[in-house]
Amino acid sequence: MKNKIAILILLPALLLITGVNQLYGQGFSSQGTAAIDANVVGAIQVTNLSDINFGLISQNINTTAPVLDPQDSGSDENIVDDGNVSVGKFVFEAASEQSIIFTFSAATLTEDGGADELEFTPSIQGSQGDETAPNDGARGGDTAISNNDSVLLTGTHYTVWVGGTLGLGGSTTAPVNVGAYDGTFTITVDYDI
C-alpha cells in the first residue's frame, strides 16, 4: 500500500514536470533564417599613361618654385618647356558604381650622383570616365583629389592627372646643385569599404 501511495504521489509530480518541459521546451521553439550574399569584386586595374616631368627649372627654387598644373599647361609657373614637360596621367578601372579611395603623399627627388633633394607636393585632378585615348598629353580633370578622398564611380573608369610643386627637400639649401633629379610618385587606390 505504501508503494501505491508513493506512486500516486509521484505520478502527478512526473506529469507536472513533463508538462512544464513541453510548455517551455521544444514545443514552442522557433527558428529564423537569413540569406547570405556576397559580391566579390576584382582588383582595381591601373594604367599609367604618362610620367611627371617638370622640364627645365631654375636652381633658385626657394624663390621661384616650379608649379606643374594638372589641368592647364598655360598655368605652369617657373618651368621652361624643353619639349618634355608632362603631367602624370593614370586611368583606374574598377567595379561599376563603387566608391574608390585615393591615397598618396609627397615624394622626394634626389640628385643623380649628389646629395641635394627636391620635395614634390602633388596636385591631382580627376574625372569620371576613361581618358585613355587619345593620349596626346592633354591635361584635364574637373574634381580636385586630396589624399584619402573617396570618389563614387558613375561607370567603371576614373582618370587622374598629377601635377604639383617642387620645393627644397631634406636639408638642401638653395641654390640646388645643377643636374638631373629623379624620384617616384606613388598613388594607391582601393575600394572604399
C-alpha atoms as a PDB file:
ATOM      1  CA  MET A   1       0.000   0.000   0.000  1.00  0.00           C
ATOM      2  CA  LYS A   2       2.828   2.312   0.785  1.00  0.00           C
ATOM      3  CA  ASN A   3       4.189   1.709  -2.724  1.00  0.00           C
ATOM      4  CA  LYS A   4       0.827   2.556  -4.277  1.00  0.00           C
ATOM      5  CA  ILE A   5       0.635   5.789  -2.270  1.00  0.00           C
ATOM      6  CA  ALA A   6       4.173   6.709  -3.300  1.00  0.00           C
ATOM      7  CA  ILE A   7       3.329   6.066  -6.967  1.00  0.00           C
ATOM      8  CA  LEU A   8       0.141   8.074  -6.686  1.00  0.00           C
ATOM      9  CA  ILE A   9       2.088  10.981  -5.180  1.00  0.00           C
ATOM     10  CA  LEU A  10       4.953  10.775  -7.695  1.00  0.00           C
ATOM     11  CA  LEU A  11       2.734  10.367 -10.745  1.00  0.00           C
ATOM     12  CA  PRO A  12       1.208  13.867 -10.618  1.00  0.00           C
ATOM     13  CA  ALA A  13       4.689  15.357  -9.982  1.00  0.00           C
ATOM     14  CA  LEU A  14       6.086  13.496 -13.000  1.00  0.00           C
ATOM     15  CA  LEU A  15       3.183  14.648 -15.175  1.00  0.00           C
ATOM     16  CA  LEU A  16       3.673  18.228 -13.952  1.00  0.00           C
ATOM     17  CA  ILE A  17       7.406  18.144 -14.819  1.00  0.00           C
ATOM     18  CA  THR A  18       6.680  16.665 -18.262  1.00  0.00           C
ATOM     19  CA  GLY A  19       4.053  19.323 -18.983  1.00  0.00           C
ATOM     20  CA  VAL A  20       6.324  22.163 -17.887  1.00  0.00           C
ATOM     21  CA  ASN A  21       9.126  20.768 -20.043  1.00  0.00           C
ATOM     22  CA  GLN A  22       6.835  20.672 -23.070  1.00  0.00           C
ATOM     23  CA  LEU A  23       5.428  24.099 -22.322  1.00  0.00           C
ATOM     24  CA  TYR A  24       8.821  25.805 -22.017  1.00  0.00           C
ATOM     25  CA  GLY A  25      10.952  23.405 -24.018  1.00  0.00           C
ATOM     26  CA  GLN A  26      10.830  22.168 -27.559  1.00  0.00           C
ATOM     27  CA  GLY A  27       7.157  22.537 -28.071  1.00  0.00           C
ATOM     28  CA  PHE A  28       7.324  26.338 -28.510  1.00  0.00           C
ATOM     29  CA  SER A  29      10.733  26.853 -30.107  1.00  0.00           C
ATOM     30  CA  SER A  30      11.067  28.808 -33.359  1.00  0.00           C
ATOM     31  CA  GLN A  31      13.768  29.345 -35.941  1.00  0.00           C
ATOM     32  CA  GLY A  32      14.799  32.296 -38.049  1.00  0.00           C
ATOM     33  CA  THR A  33      16.840  32.233 -41.213  1.00  0.00           C
ATOM     34  CA  ALA A  34      18.757  34.811 -43.200  1.00  0.00           C
ATOM     35  CA  ALA A  35      20.081  34.604 -46.729  1.00  0.00           C
ATOM     36  CA  ILE A  36      23.830  35.115 -47.148  1.00  0.00           C
ATOM     37  CA  ASP A  37      25.020  37.080 -50.168  1.00  0.00           C
ATOM     38  CA  ALA A  38      28.404  38.463 -51.230  1.00  0.00           C
ATOM     39  CA  ASN A  39      29.519  40.489 -54.226  1.00  0.00           C
ATOM     40  CA  VAL A  40      33.167  39.766 -54.947  1.00  0.00           C
ATOM     41  CA  VAL A  41      34.884  42.472 -57.000  1.00  0.00           C
ATOM     42  CA  GLY A  42      38.101  42.166 -58.901  1.00  0.00           C
ATOM     43  CA  ALA A  43      41.245  44.147 -58.213  1.00  0.00           C
ATOM     44  CA  ILE A  44      41.332  47.704 -59.498  1.00  0.00           C
ATOM     45  CA  GLN A  45      43.381  47.955 -62.680  1.00  0.00           C
ATOM     46  CA  VAL A  46      45.790  50.905 -63.077  1.00  0.00           C
ATOM     47  CA  THR A  47      47.176  52.145 -66.378  1.00  0.00           C
ATOM     48  CA  ASN A  48      49.966  54.733 -66.247  1.00  0.00           C
ATOM     49  CA  LEU A  49      49.691  56.804 -69.421  1.00  0.00           C
ATOM     50  CA  SER A  50      52.387  59.403 -68.705  1.00  0.00           C
ATOM     51  CA  ASP A  51      55.032  60.275 -66.155  1.00  0.00           C
ATOM     52  CA  ILE A  52      55.606  63.614 -64.426  1.00  0.00           C
ATOM     53  CA  ASN A  53      58.284  65.831 -65.984  1.00  0.00           C
ATOM     54  CA  PHE A  54      58.948  69.408 -64.887  1.00  0.00           C
ATOM     55  CA  GLY A  55      61.224  70.139 -67.830  1.00  0.00           C
ATOM     56  CA  LEU A  56      63.829  72.825 -67.089  1.00  0.00           C
ATOM     57  CA  ILE A  57      63.675  74.669 -63.767  1.00  0.00           C
ATOM     58  CA  SER A  58      65.788  77.306 -62.002  1.00  0.00           C
ATOM     59  CA  GLN A  59      68.249  76.226 -59.347  1.00  0.00           C
ATOM     60  CA  ASN A  60      66.846  79.009 -57.108  1.00  0.00           C
ATOM     61  CA  ILE A  61      63.618  77.109 -56.449  1.00  0.00           C
ATOM     62  CA  ASN A  62      63.217  78.622 -52.995  1.00  0.00           C
ATOM     63  CA  THR A  63      62.168  81.916 -54.629  1.00  0.00           C
ATOM     64  CA  THR A  64      60.812  80.557 -57.922  1.00  0.00           C
ATOM     65  CA  ALA A  65      59.059  77.305 -57.018  1.00  0.00           C
ATOM     66  CA  PRO A  66      58.126  75.343 -60.138  1.00  0.00           C
ATOM     67  CA  VAL A  67      54.413  74.563 -60.446  1.00  0.00           C
ATOM     68  CA  LEU A  68      53.092  71.958 -62.878  1.00  0.00           C
ATOM     69  CA  ASP A  69      49.317  72.470 -63.225  1.00  0.00           C
ATOM     70  CA  PRO A  70      47.423  69.190 -63.786  1.00  0.00           C
ATOM     71  CA  GLN A  71      44.608  70.985 -65.607  1.00  0.00           C
ATOM     72  CA  ASP A  72      46.054  73.677 -67.799  1.00  0.00           C
ATOM     73  CA  SER A  73      49.536  73.897 -69.335  1.00  0.00           C
ATOM     74  CA  GLY A  74      49.129  77.685 -69.521  1.00  0.00           C
ATOM     75  CA  SER A  75      49.125  77.867 -65.716  1.00  0.00           C
ATOM     76  CA  ASP A  76      52.565  76.307 -65.182  1.00  0.00           C
ATOM     77  CA  GLU A  77      54.935  78.546 -63.255  1.00  0.00           C
ATOM     78  CA  ASN A  78      58.737  78.820 -63.322  1.00  0.00           C
ATOM     79  CA  ILE A  79      59.089  75.988 -65.827  1.00  0.00           C
ATOM     80  CA  VAL A  80      60.815  76.138 -69.187  1.00  0.00           C
ATOM     81  CA  ASP A  81      59.194  73.662 -71.546  1.00  0.00           C
ATOM     82  CA  ASP A  82      62.043  71.753 -73.142  1.00  0.00           C
ATOM     83  CA  GLY A  83      59.567  69.585 -75.042  1.00  0.00           C
ATOM     84  CA  ASN A  84      59.430  67.031 -72.228  1.00  0.00           C
ATOM     85  CA  VAL A  85      57.043  68.724 -69.780  1.00  0.00           C
ATOM     86  CA  SER A  86      54.157  66.446 -68.850  1.00  0.00           C
ATOM     87  CA  VAL A  87      51.756  65.742 -66.025  1.00  0.00           C
ATOM     88  CA  GLY A  88      51.239  62.216 -64.756  1.00  0.00           C
ATOM     89  CA  LYS A  89      48.133  60.542 -66.080  1.00  0.00           C
ATOM     90  CA  PHE A  90      46.511  57.385 -64.723  1.00  0.00           C
ATOM     91  CA  VAL A  91      43.324  55.526 -65.644  1.00  0.00           C
ATOM     92  CA  PHE A  92      41.744  53.340 -62.957  1.00  0.00           C
ATOM     93  CA  GLU A  93      39.287  50.585 -63.860  1.00  0.00           C
ATOM     94  CA  ALA A  94      37.097  49.231 -61.056  1.00  0.00           C
ATOM     95  CA  ALA A  95      33.734  47.616 -60.428  1.00  0.00           C
ATOM     96  CA  SER A  96      30.879  49.767 -61.697  1.00  0.00           C
ATOM     97  CA  GLU A  97      29.275  52.311 -59.403  1.00  0.00           C
ATOM     98  CA  GLN A  98      31.578  51.615 -56.448  1.00  0.00           C
ATOM     99  CA  SER A  99      33.407  54.090 -54.228  1.00  0.00           C
ATOM    100  CA  ILE A 100      37.169  54.137 -54.555  1.00  0.00           C
ATOM    101  CA  ILE A 101      39.627  55.903 -52.256  1.00  0.00           C
ATOM    102  CA  PHE A 102      42.927  57.504 -53.252  1.00  0.00           C
ATOM    103  CA  THR A 103      45.995  57.655 -51.014  1.00  0.00           C
ATOM    104  CA  PHE A 104      49.256  59.379 -51.843  1.00  0.00           C
ATOM    105  CA  SER A 105      51.880  61.611 -50.286  1.00  0.00           C
ATOM    106  CA  ALA A 106      54.741  63.888 -51.198  1.00  0.00           C
ATOM    107  CA  ALA A 107      57.733  62.354 -52.959  1.00  0.00           C
ATOM    108  CA  THR A 108      61.437  63.059 -52.791  1.00  0.00           C
ATOM    109  CA  LEU A 109      63.609  63.589 -55.855  1.00  0.00           C
ATOM    110  CA  THR A 110      67.322  63.045 -55.333  1.00  0.00           C
ATOM    111  CA  GLU A 111      70.150  64.489 -57.337  1.00  0.00           C
ATOM    112  CA  ASP A 112      71.785  61.953 -59.665  1.00  0.00           C
ATOM    113  CA  GLY A 113      75.209  61.322 -58.140  1.00  0.00           C
ATOM    114  CA  GLY A 114      74.725  64.014 -55.466  1.00  0.00           C
ATOM    115  CA  ALA A 115      73.144  64.739 -52.123  1.00  0.00           C
ATOM    116  CA  ASP A 116      70.628  67.518 -52.872  1.00  0.00           C
ATOM    117  CA  GLU A 117      66.927  66.733 -52.644  1.00  0.00           C
ATOM    118  CA  LEU A 118      63.752  68.264 -54.014  1.00  0.00           C
ATOM    119  CA  GLU A 119      60.333  67.713 -52.452  1.00  0.00           C
ATOM    120  CA  PHE A 120      57.406  67.047 -54.807  1.00  0.00           C
ATOM    121  CA  THR A 121      53.993  68.057 -53.435  1.00  0.00           C
ATOM    122  CA  PRO A 122      51.281  66.585 -55.678  1.00  0.00           C
ATOM    123  CA  SER A 123      48.236  68.391 -57.041  1.00  0.00           C
ATOM    124  CA  ILE A 124      45.697  65.990 -58.534  1.00  0.00           C
ATOM    125  CA  GLN A 125      42.591  66.437 -60.664  1.00  0.00           C
ATOM    126  CA  GLY A 126      40.199  63.628 -61.553  1.00  0.00           C
ATOM    127  CA  SER A 127      37.338  62.969 -63.914  1.00  0.00           C
ATOM    128  CA  GLN A 128      34.782  60.219 -64.449  1.00  0.00           C
ATOM    129  CA  GLY A 129      35.439  58.067 -67.495  1.00  0.00           C
ATOM    130  CA  ASP A 130      38.271  56.604 -69.499  1.00  0.00           C
ATOM    131  CA  GLU A 131      40.509  59.310 -70.939  1.00  0.00           C
ATOM    132  CA  THR A 132      42.995  56.789 -72.348  1.00  0.00           C
ATOM    133  CA  ALA A 133      42.693  57.810 -75.978  1.00  0.00           C
ATOM    134  CA  PRO A 134      43.920  59.936 -77.429  1.00  0.00           C
ATOM    135  CA  ASN A 135      46.970  60.156 -75.199  1.00  0.00           C
ATOM    136  CA  ASP A 136      48.134  63.465 -76.614  1.00  0.00           C
ATOM    137  CA  GLY A 137      49.422  64.933 -73.362  1.00  0.00           C
ATOM    138  CA  ALA A 138      46.239  66.928 -72.842  1.00  0.00           C
ATOM    139  CA  ARG A 139      45.512  67.821 -69.255  1.00  0.00           C
ATOM    140  CA  GLY A 140      42.152  67.719 -67.580  1.00  0.00           C
ATOM    141  CA  GLY A 141      40.007  66.736 -64.670  1.00  0.00           C
ATOM    142  CA  ASP A 142      37.108  68.544 -63.107  1.00  0.00           C
ATOM    143  CA  THR A 143      37.483  67.444 -59.478  1.00  0.00           C
ATOM    144  CA  ALA A 144      40.392  68.134 -57.119  1.00  0.00           C
ATOM    145  CA  ILE A 145      41.558  64.951 -55.397  1.00  0.00           C
ATOM    146  CA  SER A 146      43.191  65.147 -51.964  1.00  0.00           C
ATOM    147  CA  ASN A 147      44.854  62.339 -50.019  1.00  0.00           C
ATOM    148  CA  ASN A 148      42.218  59.903 -48.641  1.00  0.00           C
ATOM    149  CA  ASP A 149      39.453  61.303 -50.864  1.00  0.00           C
ATOM    150  CA  SER A 150      36.737  58.887 -51.909  1.00  0.00           C
ATOM    151  CA  VAL A 151      35.024  59.039 -55.300  1.00  0.00           C
ATOM    152  CA  LEU A 152      31.814  57.261 -56.309  1.00  0.00           C
ATOM    153  CA  LEU A 153      32.238  55.903 -59.828  1.00  0.00           C
ATOM    154  CA  THR A 154      29.409  56.535 -62.269  1.00  0.00           C
ATOM    155  CA  GLY A 155      30.801  53.802 -64.526  1.00  0.00           C
ATOM    156  CA  THR A 156      33.899  51.623 -64.376  1.00  0.00           C
ATOM    157  CA  HIS A 157      36.697  54.119 -65.169  1.00  0.00           C
ATOM    158  CA  TYR A 158      38.236  57.147 -63.487  1.00  0.00           C
ATOM    159  CA  THR A 159      41.113  59.239 -64.871  1.00  0.00           C
ATOM    160  CA  VAL A 160      43.508  61.376 -62.823  1.00  0.00           C
ATOM    161  CA  TRP A 161      46.092  63.958 -63.854  1.00  0.00           C
ATOM    162  CA  VAL A 162      49.010  64.587 -61.483  1.00  0.00           C
ATOM    163  CA  GLY A 163      50.914  67.845 -61.341  1.00  0.00           C
ATOM    164  CA  GLY A 164      52.362  69.607 -58.348  1.00  0.00           C
ATOM    165  CA  THR A 165      55.031  71.833 -56.907  1.00  0.00           C
ATOM    166  CA  LEU A 166      58.743  71.313 -56.333  1.00  0.00           C
ATOM    167  CA  GLY A 167      60.443  72.714 -53.258  1.00  0.00           C
ATOM    168  CA  LEU A 168      63.599  72.193 -51.247  1.00  0.00           C
ATOM    169  CA  GLY A 169      63.816  68.772 -49.673  1.00  0.00           C
ATOM    170  CA  GLY A 170      65.566  67.487 -46.564  1.00  0.00           C
ATOM    171  CA  SER A 171      68.476  69.678 -45.520  1.00  0.00           C
ATOM    172  CA  THR A 172      69.011  71.024 -49.044  1.00  0.00           C
ATOM    173  CA  THR A 173      69.511  74.772 -49.333  1.00  0.00           C
ATOM    174  CA  ALA A 174      69.191  76.998 -52.384  1.00  0.00           C
ATOM    175  CA  PRO A 175      70.619  77.230 -54.875  1.00  0.00           C
ATOM    176  CA  VAL A 176      70.343  73.494 -55.506  1.00  0.00           C
ATOM    177  CA  ASN A 177      73.039  71.745 -57.474  1.00  0.00           C
ATOM    178  CA  VAL A 178      72.653  71.790 -61.230  1.00  0.00           C
ATOM    179  CA  GLY A 179      71.839  68.386 -62.683  1.00  0.00           C
ATOM    180  CA  ALA A 180      69.159  65.756 -63.082  1.00  0.00           C
ATOM    181  CA  TYR A 181      66.886  64.802 -60.191  1.00  0.00           C
ATOM    182  CA  ASP A 182      64.780  61.628 -60.054  1.00  0.00           C
ATOM    183  CA  GLY A 183      62.090  60.264 -57.786  1.00  0.00           C
ATOM    184  CA  THR A 184      58.933  58.178 -57.779  1.00  0.00           C
ATOM    185  CA  PHE A 185      55.392  59.283 -57.073  1.00  0.00           C
ATOM    186  CA  THR A 186      53.014  56.550 -55.917  1.00  0.00           C
ATOM    187  CA  ILE A 187      49.239  56.772 -55.895  1.00  0.00           C
ATOM    188  CA  THR A 188      47.245  53.935 -54.390  1.00  0.00           C
ATOM    189  CA  VAL A 189      43.572  53.279 -54.999  1.00  0.00           C
ATOM    190  CA  ASP A 190      41.315  50.789 -53.267  1.00  0.00           C
ATOM    191  CA  TYR A 191      37.629  50.151 -52.791  1.00  0.00           C
ATOM    192  CA  ASP A 192      36.253  52.376 -50.037  1.00  0.00           C
ATOM    193  CA  ILE A 193      34.581  49.678 -47.973  1.00  0.00           C
END
